[in-house]
Amino acid sequence: MTWYEVKLFAAHASGASMDALHVVAGVALQLLAAALFRTPVASWRPWLAVLGLELLNEAADLLVECWPQPAMQFGEAANDLVLTMALPTALLLAARYRPALFSAARRSE
């Protein structure tokens, strides 16, 4: 089974769209990379791992798929990149610049 077939299976088995899977996969991979690297989400390493994997994924898609218009195919790749990296980027920036958002310290309510 090829990587592309694995992705199609995941989309059909979950009932989620490919776009939704990009969003979920980006966050899941960031958290997994942070755990594997034993580093906080505020570190650039998990974010860079997600970016690298997403670029490999899009390169594989460009090799496997053949759209009638190259501009449409590259546009879809750009869309996938943005969807995959949006939440990991938000988590990275929030963890780096607003770490109190992730603190278990008591807050006055």
N, C-alpha and C. Protein backbone atom coordinates (compact mmCIF):
# COMPACT_ATOMS: atom_id res chain seq x y z
N MET A 1 0.85 -1.18 0.00
CA MET A 1 0.00 0.00 0.00
C MET A 1 0.90 1.24 0.00
N THR A 2 0.64 2.14 -0.92
CA THR A 2 1.45 3.35 -1.02
C THR A 2 0.99 4.38 0.01
N TRP A 3 1.82 5.41 0.22
CA TRP A 3 1.49 6.48 1.16
C TRP A 3 0.17 7.15 0.75
N TYR A 4 -0.01 7.36 -0.53
CA TYR A 4 -1.23 7.99 -1.01
C TYR A 4 -2.45 7.14 -0.68
N GLU A 5 -2.34 5.82 -0.84
CA GLU A 5 -3.44 4.92 -0.51
C GLU A 5 -3.74 4.92 0.99
N VAL A 6 -2.70 5.03 1.81
CA VAL A 6 -2.89 5.13 3.26
C VAL A 6 -3.70 6.37 3.59
N LYS A 7 -3.37 7.49 2.95
CA LYS A 7 -4.10 8.73 3.20
C LYS A 7 -5.56 8.62 2.74
N LEU A 8 -5.79 8.02 1.59
CA LEU A 8 -7.16 7.84 1.12
C LEU A 8 -7.94 6.94 2.06
N PHE A 9 -7.31 5.87 2.54
CA PHE A 9 -7.96 4.98 3.50
C PHE A 9 -8.34 5.75 4.76
N ALA A 10 -7.40 6.56 5.28
CA ALA A 10 -7.68 7.32 6.51
C ALA A 10 -8.84 8.28 6.31
N ALA A 11 -8.90 8.92 5.16
CA ALA A 11 -9.99 9.86 4.89
C ALA A 11 -11.33 9.13 4.82
N HIS A 12 -11.37 8.01 4.13
CA HIS A 12 -12.63 7.28 3.98
C HIS A 12 -13.03 6.58 5.27
N ALA A 13 -12.07 6.03 5.99
CA ALA A 13 -12.39 5.32 7.23
C ALA A 13 -12.86 6.28 8.32
N SER A 14 -12.31 7.48 8.35
CA SER A 14 -12.68 8.44 9.40
C SER A 14 -13.91 9.26 9.04
N GLY A 15 -14.18 9.36 7.77
CA GLY A 15 -15.29 10.21 7.34
C GLY A 15 -14.90 11.68 7.30
N ALA A 16 -13.66 11.98 7.61
CA ALA A 16 -13.17 13.36 7.61
C ALA A 16 -12.64 13.72 6.21
N SER A 17 -12.70 14.98 5.90
CA SER A 17 -12.14 15.44 4.63
C SER A 17 -10.62 15.43 4.71
N MET A 18 -9.98 15.44 3.56
CA MET A 18 -8.52 15.50 3.53
C MET A 18 -8.03 16.79 4.20
N ASP A 19 -8.76 17.88 4.03
CA ASP A 19 -8.36 19.14 4.67
C ASP A 19 -8.39 19.01 6.19
N ALA A 20 -9.45 18.38 6.71
CA ALA A 20 -9.54 18.18 8.16
C ALA A 20 -8.41 17.29 8.66
N LEU A 21 -8.07 16.28 7.89
CA LEU A 21 -6.97 15.41 8.29
C LEU A 21 -5.63 16.15 8.34
N HIS A 22 -5.44 17.11 7.45
CA HIS A 22 -4.22 17.92 7.49
C HIS A 22 -4.14 18.71 8.80
N VAL A 23 -5.26 19.28 9.21
CA VAL A 23 -5.28 20.07 10.45
C VAL A 23 -4.97 19.17 11.65
N VAL A 24 -5.65 18.04 11.73
CA VAL A 24 -5.46 17.11 12.85
C VAL A 24 -4.05 16.53 12.84
N ALA A 25 -3.58 16.14 11.68
CA ALA A 25 -2.24 15.54 11.59
C ALA A 25 -1.15 16.53 12.00
N GLY A 26 -1.31 17.79 11.64
CA GLY A 26 -0.29 18.79 12.00
C GLY A 26 -0.10 18.89 13.50
N VAL A 27 -1.21 18.98 14.23
CA VAL A 27 -1.13 19.09 15.69
C VAL A 27 -0.64 17.78 16.30
N ALA A 28 -1.17 16.66 15.83
CA ALA A 28 -0.75 15.36 16.37
C ALA A 28 0.74 15.12 16.15
N LEU A 29 1.22 15.45 14.97
CA LEU A 29 2.65 15.27 14.70
C LEU A 29 3.52 16.20 15.55
N GLN A 30 3.06 17.41 15.77
CA GLN A 30 3.82 18.34 16.61
C GLN A 30 3.93 17.80 18.03
N LEU A 31 2.83 17.33 18.58
CA LEU A 31 2.86 16.79 19.94
C LEU A 31 3.69 15.51 20.01
N LEU A 32 3.59 14.66 19.01
CA LEU A 32 4.40 13.44 18.96
C LEU A 32 5.88 13.78 18.86
N ALA A 33 6.22 14.73 18.00
CA ALA A 33 7.63 15.14 17.85
C ALA A 33 8.16 15.73 19.15
N ALA A 34 7.36 16.53 19.83
CA ALA A 34 7.79 17.10 21.11
C ALA A 34 8.07 15.99 22.11
N ALA A 35 7.21 14.97 22.13
CA ALA A 35 7.42 13.85 23.05
C ALA A 35 8.66 13.05 22.66
N LEU A 36 8.83 12.78 21.37
CA LEU A 36 9.99 12.01 20.92
C LEU A 36 11.31 12.75 21.14
N PHE A 37 11.30 14.05 20.89
CA PHE A 37 12.51 14.86 21.09
C PHE A 37 12.71 15.23 22.55
N ARG A 38 11.70 14.94 23.38
CA ARG A 38 11.72 15.32 24.80
C ARG A 38 12.00 16.82 24.96
N THR A 39 11.22 17.56 24.23
CA THR A 39 11.35 19.01 24.22
C THR A 39 9.96 19.63 24.28
N PRO A 40 9.83 20.82 24.81
CA PRO A 40 8.50 21.44 24.88
C PRO A 40 7.99 21.87 23.50
N VAL A 41 6.69 22.08 23.42
CA VAL A 41 6.08 22.56 22.19
C VAL A 41 6.61 23.96 21.84
N ALA A 42 7.14 24.67 22.83
CA ALA A 42 7.70 26.00 22.60
C ALA A 42 9.02 25.94 21.84
N SER A 43 9.59 24.77 21.69
CA SER A 43 10.83 24.60 20.92
C SER A 43 10.51 24.56 19.43
N TRP A 44 11.46 25.02 18.64
CA TRP A 44 11.28 25.01 17.19
C TRP A 44 11.37 23.60 16.62
N ARG A 45 12.02 22.65 17.30
CA ARG A 45 12.26 21.32 16.74
C ARG A 45 10.98 20.58 16.37
N PRO A 46 9.97 20.51 17.23
CA PRO A 46 8.73 19.82 16.82
C PRO A 46 8.05 20.50 15.63
N TRP A 47 8.05 21.83 15.63
CA TRP A 47 7.45 22.58 14.53
C TRP A 47 8.18 22.29 13.22
N LEU A 48 9.51 22.28 13.28
CA LEU A 48 10.30 22.00 12.08
C LEU A 48 10.10 20.56 11.60
N ALA A 49 9.89 19.64 12.54
CA ALA A 49 9.62 18.25 12.16
C ALA A 49 8.31 18.16 11.38
N VAL A 50 7.29 18.87 11.85
CA VAL A 50 6.00 18.88 11.14
C VAL A 50 6.17 19.50 9.75
N LEU A 51 6.89 20.60 9.68
CA LEU A 51 7.11 21.26 8.40
C LEU A 51 7.84 20.32 7.43
N GLY A 52 8.88 19.67 7.91
CA GLY A 52 9.62 18.74 7.05
C GLY A 52 8.76 17.60 6.55
N LEU A 53 7.98 17.01 7.45
CA LEU A 53 7.11 15.91 7.04
C LEU A 53 6.03 16.38 6.07
N GLU A 54 5.50 17.56 6.30
CA GLU A 54 4.48 18.09 5.39
C GLU A 54 5.07 18.37 4.01
N LEU A 55 6.27 18.90 3.96
CA LEU A 55 6.90 19.14 2.66
C LEU A 55 7.15 17.83 1.92
N LEU A 56 7.57 16.79 2.65
CA LEU A 56 7.73 15.47 2.03
C LEU A 56 6.39 14.94 1.53
N ASN A 57 5.34 15.12 2.32
CA ASN A 57 4.01 14.67 1.93
C ASN A 57 3.56 15.37 0.65
N GLU A 58 3.76 16.67 0.58
CA GLU A 58 3.33 17.41 -0.62
C GLU A 58 4.18 17.05 -1.83
N ALA A 59 5.46 16.78 -1.62
CA ALA A 59 6.30 16.33 -2.73
C ALA A 59 5.80 14.99 -3.26
N ALA A 60 5.43 14.09 -2.35
CA ALA A 60 4.88 12.79 -2.77
C ALA A 60 3.58 12.99 -3.53
N ASP A 61 2.72 13.88 -3.05
CA ASP A 61 1.46 14.15 -3.75
C ASP A 61 1.71 14.68 -5.15
N LEU A 62 2.69 15.56 -5.29
CA LEU A 62 2.98 16.13 -6.61
C LEU A 62 3.50 15.06 -7.56
N LEU A 63 4.17 14.06 -7.04
CA LEU A 63 4.67 12.98 -7.90
C LEU A 63 3.56 12.00 -8.28
N VAL A 64 2.63 11.75 -7.38
CA VAL A 64 1.59 10.74 -7.60
C VAL A 64 0.42 11.30 -8.40
N GLU A 65 -0.03 12.48 -8.03
CA GLU A 65 -1.20 13.06 -8.67
C GLU A 65 -0.81 13.83 -9.92
N CYS A 66 -1.70 13.84 -10.89
CA CYS A 66 -1.47 14.61 -12.11
C CYS A 66 -2.75 15.36 -12.44
N TRP A 67 -2.80 16.62 -12.07
CA TRP A 67 -3.99 17.44 -12.29
C TRP A 67 -3.94 18.04 -13.70
N PRO A 68 -5.09 18.38 -14.26
CA PRO A 68 -5.10 18.96 -15.61
C PRO A 68 -4.38 20.31 -15.68
N GLN A 69 -4.46 21.07 -14.61
CA GLN A 69 -3.81 22.38 -14.57
C GLN A 69 -2.77 22.39 -13.45
N PRO A 70 -1.49 22.58 -13.77
CA PRO A 70 -0.46 22.62 -12.71
C PRO A 70 -0.74 23.68 -11.65
N ALA A 71 -1.33 24.80 -12.05
CA ALA A 71 -1.62 25.86 -11.08
C ALA A 71 -2.61 25.36 -10.03
N MET A 72 -3.58 24.55 -10.42
CA MET A 72 -4.53 23.99 -9.47
C MET A 72 -3.83 23.04 -8.51
N GLN A 73 -2.93 22.23 -9.04
CA GLN A 73 -2.23 21.26 -8.21
C GLN A 73 -1.31 21.96 -7.22
N PHE A 74 -0.57 22.96 -7.67
CA PHE A 74 0.30 23.70 -6.75
C PHE A 74 -0.51 24.51 -5.75
N GLY A 75 -1.66 25.01 -6.17
CA GLY A 75 -2.55 25.72 -5.25
C GLY A 75 -3.05 24.80 -4.16
N GLU A 76 -3.40 23.57 -4.51
CA GLU A 76 -3.85 22.60 -3.52
C GLU A 76 -2.71 22.25 -2.57
N ALA A 77 -1.50 22.13 -3.09
CA ALA A 77 -0.34 21.85 -2.23
C ALA A 77 -0.12 23.00 -1.25
N ALA A 78 -0.25 24.23 -1.72
CA ALA A 78 -0.09 25.39 -0.84
C ALA A 78 -1.19 25.41 0.22
N ASN A 79 -2.42 25.09 -0.18
CA ASN A 79 -3.53 25.01 0.76
C ASN A 79 -3.25 23.96 1.84
N ASP A 80 -2.78 22.79 1.43
CA ASP A 80 -2.46 21.73 2.38
C ASP A 80 -1.37 22.16 3.35
N LEU A 81 -0.37 22.86 2.85
CA LEU A 81 0.73 23.34 3.69
C LEU A 81 0.20 24.32 4.74
N VAL A 82 -0.63 25.25 4.33
CA VAL A 82 -1.19 26.23 5.26
C VAL A 82 -2.07 25.55 6.30
N LEU A 83 -2.94 24.63 5.86
CA LEU A 83 -3.82 23.94 6.80
C LEU A 83 -3.04 23.11 7.81
N THR A 84 -1.99 22.45 7.34
CA THR A 84 -1.20 21.59 8.23
C THR A 84 -0.41 22.41 9.24
N MET A 85 0.10 23.55 8.84
CA MET A 85 1.01 24.32 9.69
C MET A 85 0.32 25.40 10.53
N ALA A 86 -0.95 25.69 10.27
CA ALA A 86 -1.62 26.79 10.98
C ALA A 86 -1.68 26.57 12.49
N LEU A 87 -2.22 25.45 12.93
CA LEU A 87 -2.33 25.22 14.38
C LEU A 87 -0.97 24.93 15.04
N PRO A 88 -0.07 24.16 14.41
CA PRO A 88 1.25 24.03 15.02
C PRO A 88 1.97 25.38 15.18
N THR A 89 1.77 26.28 14.23
CA THR A 89 2.37 27.61 14.34
C THR A 89 1.74 28.38 15.50
N ALA A 90 0.42 28.31 15.60
CA ALA A 90 -0.27 29.00 16.71
C ALA A 90 0.18 28.42 18.05
N LEU A 91 0.30 27.10 18.16
CA LEU A 91 0.76 26.49 19.41
C LEU A 91 2.19 26.90 19.74
N LEU A 92 3.05 26.88 18.74
CA LEU A 92 4.45 27.29 18.96
C LEU A 92 4.52 28.72 19.46
N LEU A 93 3.83 29.62 18.80
CA LEU A 93 3.90 31.04 19.19
C LEU A 93 3.26 31.27 20.56
N ALA A 94 2.13 30.63 20.83
CA ALA A 94 1.49 30.78 22.13
C ALA A 94 2.38 30.23 23.24
N ALA A 95 2.97 29.06 23.01
CA ALA A 95 3.83 28.45 24.03
C ALA A 95 5.09 29.28 24.27
N ARG A 96 5.60 29.91 23.23
CA ARG A 96 6.82 30.72 23.37
C ARG A 96 6.54 32.08 24.00
N TYR A 97 5.46 32.73 23.56
CA TYR A 97 5.24 34.13 23.95
C TYR A 97 4.13 34.33 24.98
N ARG A 98 3.33 33.32 25.23
CA ARG A 98 2.30 33.37 26.26
C ARG A 98 2.27 32.05 27.01
N PRO A 99 3.40 31.68 27.64
CA PRO A 99 3.45 30.37 28.31
C PRO A 99 2.45 30.23 29.45
N ALA A 100 1.98 31.34 30.01
CA ALA A 100 1.00 31.26 31.09
C ALA A 100 -0.30 30.61 30.62
N LEU A 101 -0.59 30.64 29.33
CA LEU A 101 -1.78 29.98 28.81
C LEU A 101 -1.74 28.48 29.04
N PHE A 102 -0.52 27.93 29.21
CA PHE A 102 -0.34 26.50 29.37
C PHE A 102 -0.01 26.12 30.80
N SER A 103 -0.12 27.08 31.70
CA SER A 103 0.24 26.86 33.10
C SER A 103 -0.94 26.32 33.88
N ALA A 104 -0.63 25.48 34.86
CA ALA A 104 -1.67 24.95 35.73
C ALA A 104 -1.84 25.82 36.97
N ALA A 105 -1.14 26.94 37.00
CA ALA A 105 -1.23 27.84 38.16
C ALA A 105 -2.65 28.36 38.31
N ARG A 106 -3.04 28.60 39.58
CA ARG A 106 -4.38 29.11 39.85
C ARG A 106 -4.53 30.53 39.30
N ARG A 107 -5.69 30.74 38.75
CA ARG A 107 -6.01 32.09 38.24
C ARG A 107 -7.23 32.56 38.98
N SER A 108 -7.28 33.87 39.21
CA SER A 108 -8.49 34.41 39.86
C SER A 108 -9.59 34.48 38.81
N GLU A 109 -10.76 34.01 39.18
CA GLU A 109 -11.87 33.98 38.23
C GLU A 109 -12.96 34.93 38.63
